[in-house]
Amino acid sequence: MPKTNRKKILWTVRDFAPPKSLWDRLEEMDMKVLLADPGEDPLEKIQKSSPALWVAQTNGGSADNLAMLDKIRSTCPDLPIVVMSTAPSVEEAVKILKMGIRDYIPKGASEEQIRLSVEGVLGQSLSRKSFSRPKMQGQDDSQEAPIAVDSAMKKILALARKVAGSRTTILIQGESGTGKEVLARYIHRCSNRKDAPFVAVNCSALPETLLESELFGHERGAFTGAVARKKGKFELADGGTLLLDEISEMDISIQAKLLRVLQEREVDRVGGQFPVPVDTRVIATTNRDLESETKKGRFRLDLFYRLNVIPLRLPPLRDRPDDIVPLANHFLERHCSLNGISQKRLTPEGEKFLKERGWPGNVRELENLMERATLLVESDQVGRADLEEILGPGEDESVEFGIDRVLPLKDMEKRMIFRALNDHGGNRTHAARVLGISVRTLRNKLNEYQEELKRSRATEESPQGVKFPTGRASSGRDGT
């Protein structure tokens, strides 16, 4: 195979378009995504373009797909490959990863999962800008910090900057959605390792047998299907930072091997004869109380002490109310920019509404709401009525549809439609699939609700409500 071209990524996945966020990041890095024609031979395309990465597709482990992957692995052993499956299964994942394929992504994976996979395989940091404030004049790029107006968050960021230059391990704890990975990336950017790879591994996404190979790598012939040597994430992050996300989900047997790597700073590949030295800084995250997990026998106490050298605990969003409005306006600005929509801002009533919420989903939930507001509200002002309409029924009425009173079928239908849209981030195609109706039917229902809203406002004075997406803002969201 010709010398790898670091500027090209070959995408032959017919049923998954490259996520816009990933496409934007790659373009910022001056990397080009090549989309192959449906009838084009992947091997021929690879030999012509010499990509740095091939993103391929499988359909439930079919013999033809596996044979093609095996052929290309044998012909181009140095080519990193990521596989996306339209019919994922454990059996298919095992077969594919044993071939030496770098990663396996099942159908339904989020844009974030796809981005992290590509980032990890490329061994580069496609630096994530979520939750980051604009750079201040005279501020170094490496110091670009997460938004922190709240005093507790400012103290955490100050401590993070203080320890960033060391090589010691860091444990970040906090509820899901508080921004643990964002903080980990900030620490990496503030360290002397900022120009080296930042590699992330989701410890809960892979079973024990696959996680060991992913972390530590394997030698050719180490097991059936290991047709080539594979470097693990520790080696890919050599000189940089390795994020072990949700480390509390790691199997006890892998925890023992991880402890040795942290102590000895060397990895033993599966099937290897000699240890491989690595200089990798480890940051671990978890949404569980690890100390409590050790008492229950689910996490090794010695590994906890090794990880907990520098503990950082991110407060939930409900405990940092001063950050809610700055974060919300940042997300509005970001998603307006991504979708080519004129800038929107929160009204004072909208800001007050956000501050009054409990935010069980934390920053992630807030971003989700702001993204929906970007697409659903036509006005450049997002008020309380808009946000209430987007959210639909209150938490007490919508959880598992636990409604304590009988509703007319039409009202129940409306609630279910809004619930499906909320659960799927405003994506009409996905919502329609869950509801068991066509996208056209869903669109007609939304138009009907919009007309009802217009008629209601024509007869009584009321705050501005939701405008349902039409035109450019929604064209990429509903698949129509």
Protein backbone atom coordinates (compact mmCIF):
# COMPACT_ATOMS: atom_id res chain seq x y z
CA MET A 1 0.00 0.00 0.00
CA PRO A 2 1.33 3.48 -0.81
CA LYS A 3 2.39 5.77 2.00
CA THR A 4 -0.60 6.85 4.12
CA ASN A 5 -2.03 10.25 3.29
CA ARG A 6 -2.79 11.91 6.62
CA LYS A 7 -5.18 14.35 4.93
CA LYS A 8 -7.78 11.81 3.77
CA ILE A 9 -10.41 9.66 5.45
CA LEU A 10 -12.32 7.16 3.31
CA TRP A 11 -16.02 6.78 4.22
CA THR A 12 -17.81 3.87 2.53
CA VAL A 13 -20.75 3.70 4.94
CA ARG A 14 -23.89 3.90 2.84
CA ASP A 15 -26.47 4.00 5.64
CA PHE A 16 -24.73 6.56 7.88
CA ALA A 17 -23.67 9.99 6.67
CA PRO A 18 -20.63 11.47 8.44
CA PRO A 19 -21.99 13.53 11.38
CA LYS A 20 -21.87 17.24 10.68
CA SER A 21 -19.95 17.91 13.89
CA LEU A 22 -17.27 15.41 12.86
CA TRP A 23 -17.18 16.75 9.30
CA ASP A 24 -16.71 20.30 10.61
CA ARG A 25 -13.87 19.27 12.91
CA LEU A 26 -12.05 17.41 10.17
CA GLU A 27 -12.37 20.35 7.79
CA GLU A 28 -10.94 22.62 10.49
CA MET A 29 -7.91 20.32 10.59
CA ASP A 30 -7.64 20.47 6.78
CA MET A 31 -8.59 16.78 6.53
CA LYS A 32 -10.73 15.58 3.63
CA VAL A 33 -13.54 13.02 3.79
CA LEU A 34 -13.76 10.86 0.67
CA LEU A 35 -17.19 9.33 -0.02
CA ALA A 36 -16.93 6.26 -2.23
CA ASP A 37 -19.49 5.47 -4.93
CA PRO A 38 -21.82 2.55 -4.04
CA GLY A 39 -20.46 0.31 -6.79
CA GLU A 40 -16.79 1.11 -6.25
CA ASP A 41 -14.45 -1.57 -4.95
CA PRO A 42 -13.21 -0.45 -1.47
CA LEU A 43 -9.79 -2.01 -1.94
CA GLU A 44 -9.32 -0.24 -5.26
CA LYS A 45 -10.37 3.05 -3.69
CA ILE A 46 -7.97 2.53 -0.77
CA GLN A 47 -5.09 1.78 -3.07
CA LYS A 48 -5.83 4.90 -5.11
CA SER A 49 -6.33 7.36 -2.26
CA SER A 50 -4.08 5.95 0.52
CA PRO A 51 -6.30 7.22 3.34
CA ALA A 52 -5.27 7.66 6.98
CA LEU A 53 -8.47 5.88 8.06
CA TRP A 54 -11.19 3.75 6.45
CA VAL A 55 -14.72 3.87 7.91
CA ALA A 56 -16.56 0.80 6.60
CA GLN A 57 -20.01 -0.75 6.97
CA THR A 58 -21.20 -4.26 7.82
CA ASN A 59 -24.70 -5.73 7.71
CA GLY A 60 -25.00 -8.18 10.55
CA GLY A 61 -21.75 -10.06 10.03
CA SER A 62 -22.49 -11.27 6.50
CA ALA A 63 -19.87 -13.54 5.00
CA ASP A 64 -19.21 -11.12 2.11
CA ASN A 65 -18.59 -8.20 4.47
CA LEU A 66 -16.25 -10.19 6.70
CA ALA A 67 -14.37 -11.57 3.71
CA MET A 68 -13.85 -8.06 2.31
CA LEU A 69 -12.62 -6.78 5.68
CA ASP A 70 -10.25 -9.72 6.03
CA LYS A 71 -8.90 -9.19 2.52
CA ILE A 72 -8.23 -5.50 3.09
CA ARG A 73 -6.67 -6.17 6.52
CA SER A 74 -4.28 -8.64 4.86
CA THR A 75 -3.50 -6.36 1.90
CA CYS A 76 -3.19 -3.16 3.96
CA PRO A 77 -2.16 -4.25 7.49
CA ASP A 78 -1.20 -0.70 8.55
CA LEU A 79 -4.52 0.89 7.57
CA PRO A 80 -6.69 1.75 10.61
CA ILE A 81 -10.30 0.64 10.12
CA VAL A 82 -13.50 1.59 11.95
CA VAL A 83 -16.60 -0.50 11.25
CA MET A 84 -20.20 0.70 11.59
CA SER A 85 -22.85 -2.02 11.72
CA THR A 86 -26.46 -1.80 10.54
CA ALA A 87 -27.37 -4.98 12.45
CA PRO A 88 -25.02 -5.07 15.45
CA SER A 89 -24.52 -8.15 17.60
CA VAL A 90 -21.99 -9.40 20.11
CA GLU A 91 -20.96 -12.19 17.74
CA GLU A 92 -20.27 -9.75 14.91
CA ALA A 93 -18.36 -7.40 17.21
CA VAL A 94 -16.12 -10.21 18.45
CA LYS A 95 -15.37 -11.44 14.94
CA ILE A 96 -14.58 -7.97 13.64
CA LEU A 97 -12.42 -6.80 16.52
CA LYS A 98 -10.47 -10.06 16.48
CA MET A 99 -9.48 -9.20 12.91
CA GLY A 100 -7.59 -6.22 14.25
CA ILE A 101 -10.25 -3.66 13.31
CA ARG A 102 -9.71 -0.60 15.50
CA ASP A 103 -13.31 0.04 16.54
CA TYR A 104 -16.86 -1.25 16.11
CA ILE A 105 -19.79 1.18 16.17
CA PRO A 106 -23.35 -0.19 16.37
CA LYS A 107 -26.35 1.35 14.61
CA GLY A 108 -27.88 4.12 16.69
CA ALA A 109 -24.59 5.38 18.09
CA SER A 110 -24.55 9.07 18.89
CA GLU A 111 -22.52 11.64 16.97
CA GLU A 112 -20.35 11.90 20.08
CA GLN A 113 -19.53 8.17 20.00
CA ILE A 114 -18.63 8.35 16.32
CA ARG A 115 -16.47 11.42 16.89
CA LEU A 116 -14.63 9.81 19.81
CA SER A 117 -13.99 6.66 17.79
CA VAL A 118 -12.50 8.56 14.85
CA GLU A 119 -10.49 10.72 17.22
CA GLY A 120 -9.09 7.76 19.09
CA VAL A 121 -8.12 5.87 15.95
CA LEU A 122 -6.48 8.85 14.34
CA GLY A 123 -4.60 9.43 17.59
CA GLN A 124 -5.32 13.14 17.41
CA SER A 125 -7.43 15.50 19.48
CA LEU A 126 -10.26 16.97 17.44
CA SER A 127 -10.58 19.48 20.23
CA ARG A 128 -14.14 19.76 21.38
CA LYS A 129 -15.48 23.27 21.74
CA SER A 130 -18.60 22.39 23.67
CA PHE A 131 -18.96 24.26 26.96
CA SER A 132 -15.96 26.46 26.02
CA ARG A 133 -16.08 30.22 26.17
CA PRO A 134 -14.64 32.36 23.35
CA LYS A 135 -10.93 33.04 23.65
CA MET A 136 -10.09 36.28 25.46
CA GLN A 137 -7.62 38.75 24.04
CA GLY A 138 -4.10 37.68 24.90
CA GLN A 139 -5.27 34.24 26.08
CA ASP A 140 -3.31 31.20 24.91
CA ASP A 141 -5.31 28.57 23.00
CA SER A 142 -4.26 25.93 25.52
CA GLN A 143 -5.89 27.96 28.30
CA GLU A 144 -9.35 28.07 26.67
CA ALA A 145 -11.47 27.15 29.68
CA PRO A 146 -14.92 25.67 30.20
CA ILE A 147 -17.53 28.24 31.16
CA ALA A 148 -17.34 28.84 34.89
CA VAL A 149 -19.05 31.79 36.57
CA ASP A 150 -19.94 29.85 39.70
CA SER A 151 -17.31 30.14 42.46
CA ALA A 152 -17.14 26.37 43.06
CA MET A 153 -16.45 25.73 39.37
CA LYS A 154 -13.77 28.43 39.33
CA LYS A 155 -11.96 26.66 42.18
CA ILE A 156 -12.11 23.34 40.33
CA LEU A 157 -10.66 24.88 37.16
CA ALA A 158 -7.92 26.57 39.16
CA LEU A 159 -6.94 23.23 40.71
CA ALA A 160 -7.11 21.54 37.30
CA ARG A 161 -4.68 24.10 35.85
CA LYS A 162 -2.38 23.68 38.84
CA VAL A 163 -2.00 19.91 38.42
CA ALA A 164 -2.17 19.81 34.61
CA GLY A 165 1.60 19.92 34.21
CA SER A 166 2.22 16.83 36.34
CA ARG A 167 2.13 13.24 35.14
CA THR A 168 0.02 11.98 38.04
CA THR A 169 -3.36 10.35 37.52
CA ILE A 170 -6.54 12.35 38.03
CA LEU A 171 -9.98 11.08 39.02
CA ILE A 172 -12.99 13.19 37.97
CA GLN A 173 -16.27 12.27 39.63
CA GLY A 174 -19.70 13.72 39.03
CA GLU A 175 -23.19 12.96 37.81
CA SER A 176 -23.79 12.08 34.17
CA GLY A 177 -23.82 15.16 31.97
CA THR A 178 -21.81 17.45 34.24
CA GLY A 179 -18.96 17.82 31.73
CA LYS A 180 -16.33 15.39 33.05
CA GLU A 181 -14.80 14.79 29.63
CA VAL A 182 -14.78 18.52 28.92
CA LEU A 183 -12.72 19.04 32.08
CA ALA A 184 -10.39 16.18 31.12
CA ARG A 185 -9.73 17.77 27.73
CA TYR A 186 -9.10 21.13 29.39
CA ILE A 187 -6.48 19.52 31.64
CA HIS A 188 -4.84 18.00 28.57
CA ARG A 189 -4.78 21.37 26.79
CA CYS A 190 -3.20 23.02 29.84
CA SER A 191 -0.45 20.40 30.12
CA ASN A 192 2.88 20.03 28.37
CA ARG A 193 1.28 17.08 26.55
CA LYS A 194 -1.19 19.29 24.63
CA ASP A 195 0.48 18.62 21.27
CA ALA A 196 0.37 14.84 21.81
CA PRO A 197 -2.72 12.61 21.37
CA PHE A 198 -5.77 12.72 23.61
CA VAL A 199 -7.44 9.30 23.39
CA ALA A 200 -10.76 8.44 25.07
CA VAL A 201 -12.09 4.97 25.92
CA ASN A 202 -15.60 4.26 27.17
CA CYS A 203 -15.03 1.42 29.65
CA SER A 204 -18.75 0.56 29.74
CA ALA A 205 -19.09 0.10 25.98
CA LEU A 206 -17.01 -3.06 25.56
CA PRO A 207 -17.10 -6.47 27.29
CA GLU A 208 -14.11 -7.69 29.28
CA THR A 209 -12.57 -9.76 26.47
CA LEU A 210 -12.58 -6.86 24.03
CA LEU A 211 -11.63 -4.11 26.50
CA GLU A 212 -8.33 -5.79 27.34
CA SER A 213 -7.29 -5.82 23.68
CA GLU A 214 -8.53 -2.24 23.20
CA LEU A 215 -6.50 -0.94 26.14
CA PHE A 216 -3.33 -2.98 25.90
CA GLY A 217 -3.28 -4.20 22.29
CA HIS A 218 -2.49 -7.67 20.98
CA GLU A 219 0.09 -9.48 18.88
CA ARG A 220 -0.61 -11.22 15.63
CA GLY A 221 -1.86 -14.75 16.28
CA ALA A 222 -2.67 -14.03 19.93
CA PHE A 223 -6.14 -15.50 19.34
CA THR A 224 -8.27 -16.70 16.46
CA GLY A 225 -8.78 -13.81 14.08
CA ALA A 226 -5.82 -11.75 15.31
CA VAL A 227 -4.34 -11.40 11.83
CA ALA A 228 -2.18 -8.38 12.64
CA ARG A 229 -0.52 -6.67 15.57
CA LYS A 230 -2.73 -4.05 17.14
CA LYS A 231 -1.61 -1.22 19.38
CA GLY A 232 -3.83 -0.56 22.36
CA LYS A 233 -5.11 2.81 23.52
CA PHE A 234 -2.24 3.19 25.99
CA GLU A 235 0.26 3.01 23.13
CA LEU A 236 -1.84 5.25 20.87
CA ALA A 237 -1.86 7.87 23.64
CA ASP A 238 1.88 7.54 24.33
CA GLY A 239 3.25 10.96 25.24
CA GLY A 240 -0.28 12.30 25.66
CA THR A 241 -3.39 11.65 27.72
CA LEU A 242 -5.68 8.63 27.98
CA LEU A 243 -9.22 9.22 29.25
CA LEU A 244 -10.82 6.16 30.87
CA ASP A 245 -14.48 7.15 30.84
CA GLU A 246 -16.84 5.44 33.30
CA ILE A 247 -14.00 3.45 34.85
CA SER A 248 -16.35 2.11 37.53
CA GLU A 249 -17.85 -0.19 34.86
CA MET A 250 -14.52 -1.92 34.22
CA ASP A 251 -14.37 -5.61 35.13
CA ILE A 252 -12.33 -6.52 38.22
CA SER A 253 -9.93 -8.69 36.18
CA ILE A 254 -9.07 -5.75 33.91
CA GLN A 255 -8.68 -3.48 36.95
CA ALA A 256 -5.77 -5.63 38.17
CA LYS A 257 -3.96 -5.30 34.84
CA LEU A 258 -4.65 -1.56 34.72
CA LEU A 259 -3.13 -1.16 38.18
CA ARG A 260 0.09 -2.78 36.98
CA VAL A 261 0.26 -0.45 33.96
CA LEU A 262 -0.15 2.59 36.19
CA GLN A 263 2.54 1.34 38.58
CA GLU A 264 5.09 0.08 36.06
CA ARG A 265 4.27 2.41 33.13
CA GLU A 266 4.42 -0.45 30.66
CA VAL A 267 1.79 -2.59 28.94
CA ASP A 268 1.67 -6.27 28.10
CA ARG A 269 -0.06 -6.85 24.79
CA VAL A 270 -2.31 -9.88 24.63
CA GLY A 271 -0.07 -12.66 23.36
CA GLY A 272 3.06 -10.51 23.72
CA GLN A 273 6.40 -11.75 25.06
CA PHE A 274 7.84 -8.49 26.34
CA PRO A 275 6.31 -5.43 28.04
CA VAL A 276 6.09 -2.20 26.06
CA PRO A 277 7.01 1.02 27.93
CA VAL A 278 4.49 3.86 27.69
CA ASP A 279 4.48 7.47 28.85
CA THR A 280 0.74 8.03 29.08
CA ARG A 281 -1.03 10.30 31.53
CA VAL A 282 -4.30 8.76 32.73
CA ILE A 283 -7.47 10.67 33.61
CA ALA A 284 -10.40 8.56 34.82
CA THR A 285 -14.04 9.62 35.11
CA THR A 286 -17.03 8.06 36.84
CA ASN A 287 -20.58 8.96 37.81
CA ARG A 288 -20.43 6.59 40.79
CA ASP A 289 -18.93 6.98 44.26
CA LEU A 290 -15.80 4.86 43.80
CA GLU A 291 -15.02 4.70 47.49
CA SER A 292 -18.47 3.21 48.08
CA GLU A 293 -17.92 0.81 45.18
CA THR A 294 -14.74 -0.50 46.85
CA LYS A 295 -16.70 -1.31 50.01
CA LYS A 296 -19.18 -3.30 47.94
CA GLY A 297 -16.35 -5.26 46.32
CA ARG A 298 -17.02 -3.90 42.85
CA PHE A 299 -13.85 -1.83 42.56
CA ARG A 300 -10.30 -2.57 43.73
CA LEU A 301 -9.25 -0.47 46.68
CA ASP A 302 -5.60 -0.35 45.57
CA LEU A 303 -6.63 0.91 42.12
CA PHE A 304 -8.89 3.51 43.73
CA TYR A 305 -5.93 4.86 45.73
CA ARG A 306 -3.76 4.88 42.60
CA LEU A 307 -6.39 6.84 40.63
CA ASN A 308 -7.47 9.16 43.42
CA VAL A 309 -4.18 11.02 43.72
CA ILE A 310 -5.82 14.23 42.47
CA PRO A 311 -9.60 13.97 42.99
CA LEU A 312 -11.87 16.46 41.23
CA ARG A 313 -15.62 16.39 41.85
CA LEU A 314 -17.83 18.30 39.43
CA PRO A 315 -20.98 19.73 41.04
CA PRO A 316 -24.34 19.10 39.35
CA LEU A 317 -25.78 21.99 37.34
CA ARG A 318 -28.52 22.59 39.93
CA ASP A 319 -25.76 23.47 42.45
CA ARG A 320 -24.08 25.99 40.13
CA PRO A 321 -27.00 28.24 39.12
CA ASP A 322 -24.73 31.12 38.07
CA ASP A 323 -23.48 28.97 35.18
CA ILE A 324 -26.90 28.09 33.75
CA VAL A 325 -27.61 31.23 31.72
CA PRO A 326 -24.04 31.66 30.34
CA LEU A 327 -24.06 28.00 29.28
CA ALA A 328 -27.52 28.29 27.75
CA ASN A 329 -26.61 31.35 25.68
CA HIS A 330 -23.37 29.67 24.62
CA PHE A 331 -25.30 26.61 23.37
CA LEU A 332 -27.80 28.79 21.55
CA GLU A 333 -24.95 30.60 19.81
CA ARG A 334 -23.18 27.36 18.96
CA HIS A 335 -26.19 25.54 17.50
CA CYS A 336 -27.40 28.59 15.60
CA SER A 337 -23.97 28.76 14.00
CA LEU A 338 -23.91 25.03 13.20
CA ASN A 339 -27.37 25.15 11.60
CA GLY A 340 -26.90 28.43 9.73
CA ILE A 341 -29.61 30.21 11.74
CA SER A 342 -29.58 33.84 12.84
CA GLN A 343 -28.48 34.31 16.43
CA LYS A 344 -31.04 33.77 19.23
CA ARG A 345 -30.96 35.00 22.83
CA LEU A 346 -32.91 34.21 25.98
CA THR A 347 -35.41 36.72 27.31
CA PRO A 348 -35.27 37.61 31.05
CA GLU A 349 -38.32 35.36 31.57
CA GLY A 350 -36.57 32.55 29.73
CA GLU A 351 -33.46 32.95 31.89
CA LYS A 352 -35.57 32.87 35.05
CA PHE A 353 -37.33 29.71 33.87
CA LEU A 354 -34.00 27.94 33.30
CA LYS A 355 -32.73 28.91 36.75
CA GLU A 356 -35.86 27.48 38.38
CA ARG A 357 -35.45 23.99 36.87
CA GLY A 358 -33.77 21.09 38.65
CA TRP A 359 -31.72 19.83 35.64
CA PRO A 360 -31.45 16.11 36.46
CA GLY A 361 -29.58 15.67 33.18
CA ASN A 362 -27.16 18.50 34.00
CA VAL A 363 -25.24 20.35 31.26
CA ARG A 364 -26.05 17.69 28.68
CA GLU A 365 -29.77 18.19 29.28
CA LEU A 366 -29.37 21.96 29.02
CA GLU A 367 -27.56 21.70 25.69
CA ASN A 368 -30.24 19.36 24.37
CA LEU A 369 -32.96 21.88 25.25
CA MET A 370 -31.06 24.78 23.68
CA GLU A 371 -30.50 22.80 20.49
CA ARG A 372 -34.23 22.14 20.24
CA ALA A 373 -34.97 25.81 20.90
CA THR A 374 -32.60 26.71 18.08
CA LEU A 375 -34.60 24.60 15.65
CA LEU A 376 -38.14 25.04 16.96
CA VAL A 377 -38.36 28.73 17.85
CA GLU A 378 -38.56 31.04 14.83
CA SER A 379 -38.12 34.28 16.79
CA ASP A 380 -34.67 35.54 17.78
CA GLN A 381 -35.92 35.76 21.38
CA VAL A 382 -36.44 32.53 23.35
CA GLY A 383 -38.87 33.07 26.21
CA ARG A 384 -40.44 31.09 29.00
CA ALA A 385 -43.49 30.11 26.93
CA ASP A 386 -41.24 28.78 24.17
CA LEU A 387 -39.26 26.61 26.58
CA GLU A 388 -42.37 25.31 28.35
CA GLU A 389 -43.94 24.37 25.01
CA ILE A 390 -40.77 22.58 23.86
CA LEU A 391 -40.53 20.61 27.09
CA GLY A 392 -44.18 19.59 26.92
CA PRO A 393 -45.72 18.01 30.04
CA GLY A 394 -44.06 18.62 33.39
CA GLU A 395 -41.76 16.05 34.95
CA ASP A 396 -44.49 14.87 37.31
CA GLU A 397 -46.83 14.10 34.40
CA SER A 398 -44.41 12.80 31.78
CA VAL A 399 -42.28 10.27 33.62
CA GLU A 400 -43.33 6.92 32.18
CA PHE A 401 -46.64 8.65 31.27
CA GLY A 402 -47.60 8.37 34.92
CA ILE A 403 -50.64 10.66 34.54
CA ASP A 404 -53.07 10.53 37.43
CA ARG A 405 -56.13 11.63 35.44
CA VAL A 406 -57.87 10.57 32.26
CA LEU A 407 -57.12 12.80 29.26
CA PRO A 408 -58.90 13.09 25.92
CA LEU A 409 -57.25 10.91 23.28
CA LYS A 410 -56.30 13.97 21.24
CA ASP A 411 -54.46 15.50 24.21
CA MET A 412 -52.73 12.20 24.95
CA GLU A 413 -51.69 11.90 21.29
CA LYS A 414 -50.23 15.40 21.41
CA ARG A 415 -48.30 14.62 24.59
CA MET A 416 -46.90 11.41 23.14
CA ILE A 417 -45.77 13.20 19.99
CA PHE A 418 -43.99 15.91 21.97
CA ARG A 419 -42.47 13.27 24.25
CA ALA A 420 -41.09 11.35 21.26
CA LEU A 421 -39.65 14.55 19.75
CA ASN A 422 -38.09 15.49 23.09
CA ASP A 423 -36.56 12.04 23.54
CA HIS A 424 -35.01 12.18 20.07
CA GLY A 425 -33.74 15.75 20.11
CA GLY A 426 -36.33 17.04 17.65
CA ASN A 427 -35.47 14.45 14.98
CA ARG A 428 -38.77 13.80 13.20
CA THR A 429 -37.63 10.64 11.44
CA HIS A 430 -36.66 8.93 14.68
CA ALA A 431 -39.73 10.21 16.52
CA ALA A 432 -42.05 8.97 13.76
CA ARG A 433 -40.40 5.54 13.84
CA VAL A 434 -40.96 5.24 17.60
CA LEU A 435 -44.57 6.40 17.29
CA GLY A 436 -45.24 3.97 14.44
CA ILE A 437 -46.36 6.66 11.99
CA SER A 438 -44.92 8.17 8.83
CA VAL A 439 -42.86 11.35 8.82
CA ARG A 440 -45.57 12.96 6.68
CA THR A 441 -48.22 12.13 9.29
CA LEU A 442 -46.03 13.57 12.02
CA ARG A 443 -45.46 16.74 9.98
CA ASN A 444 -49.21 17.12 9.44
CA LYS A 445 -49.84 16.74 13.17
CA LEU A 446 -47.26 19.41 14.00
CA ASN A 447 -48.79 21.76 11.43
CA GLU A 448 -52.18 21.11 13.02
CA TYR A 449 -50.82 22.00 16.48
CA GLN A 450 -49.24 25.12 15.04
CA GLU A 451 -52.56 26.25 13.59
CA GLU A 452 -54.21 25.62 16.95
CA LEU A 453 -51.59 27.77 18.61
CA LYS A 454 -52.15 30.60 16.10
CA ARG A 455 -55.91 30.48 16.63
CA SER A 456 -55.43 30.53 20.39
CA ARG A 457 -53.20 33.61 20.20
CA ALA A 458 -55.64 35.36 17.94
CA THR A 459 -58.36 35.15 20.60
CA GLU A 460 -56.40 35.88 23.77
CA GLU A 461 -53.21 37.67 24.77
CA SER A 462 -50.47 35.13 25.61
CA PRO A 463 -46.66 34.96 25.68
CA GLN A 464 -44.87 33.98 22.54
CA GLY A 465 -44.83 30.21 22.10
CA VAL A 466 -43.06 27.64 20.01
CA LYS A 467 -42.84 27.99 16.25
CA PHE A 468 -42.43 24.61 14.65
CA PRO A 469 -39.45 24.18 12.34
CA THR A 470 -39.89 24.93 8.68
CA GLY A 471 -37.47 25.53 5.87
CA ARG A 472 -33.70 25.55 6.34
CA ALA A 473 -33.63 25.06 10.11
CA SER A 474 -35.37 21.68 9.97
CA SER A 475 -34.29 20.29 6.62
CA GLY A 476 -31.41 18.35 8.08
CA ARG A 477 -33.30 17.07 11.12
CA ASP A 478 -36.35 15.18 9.84
CA GLY A 479 -34.89 13.37 6.86
CA THR A 480 -37.39 14.93 4.44
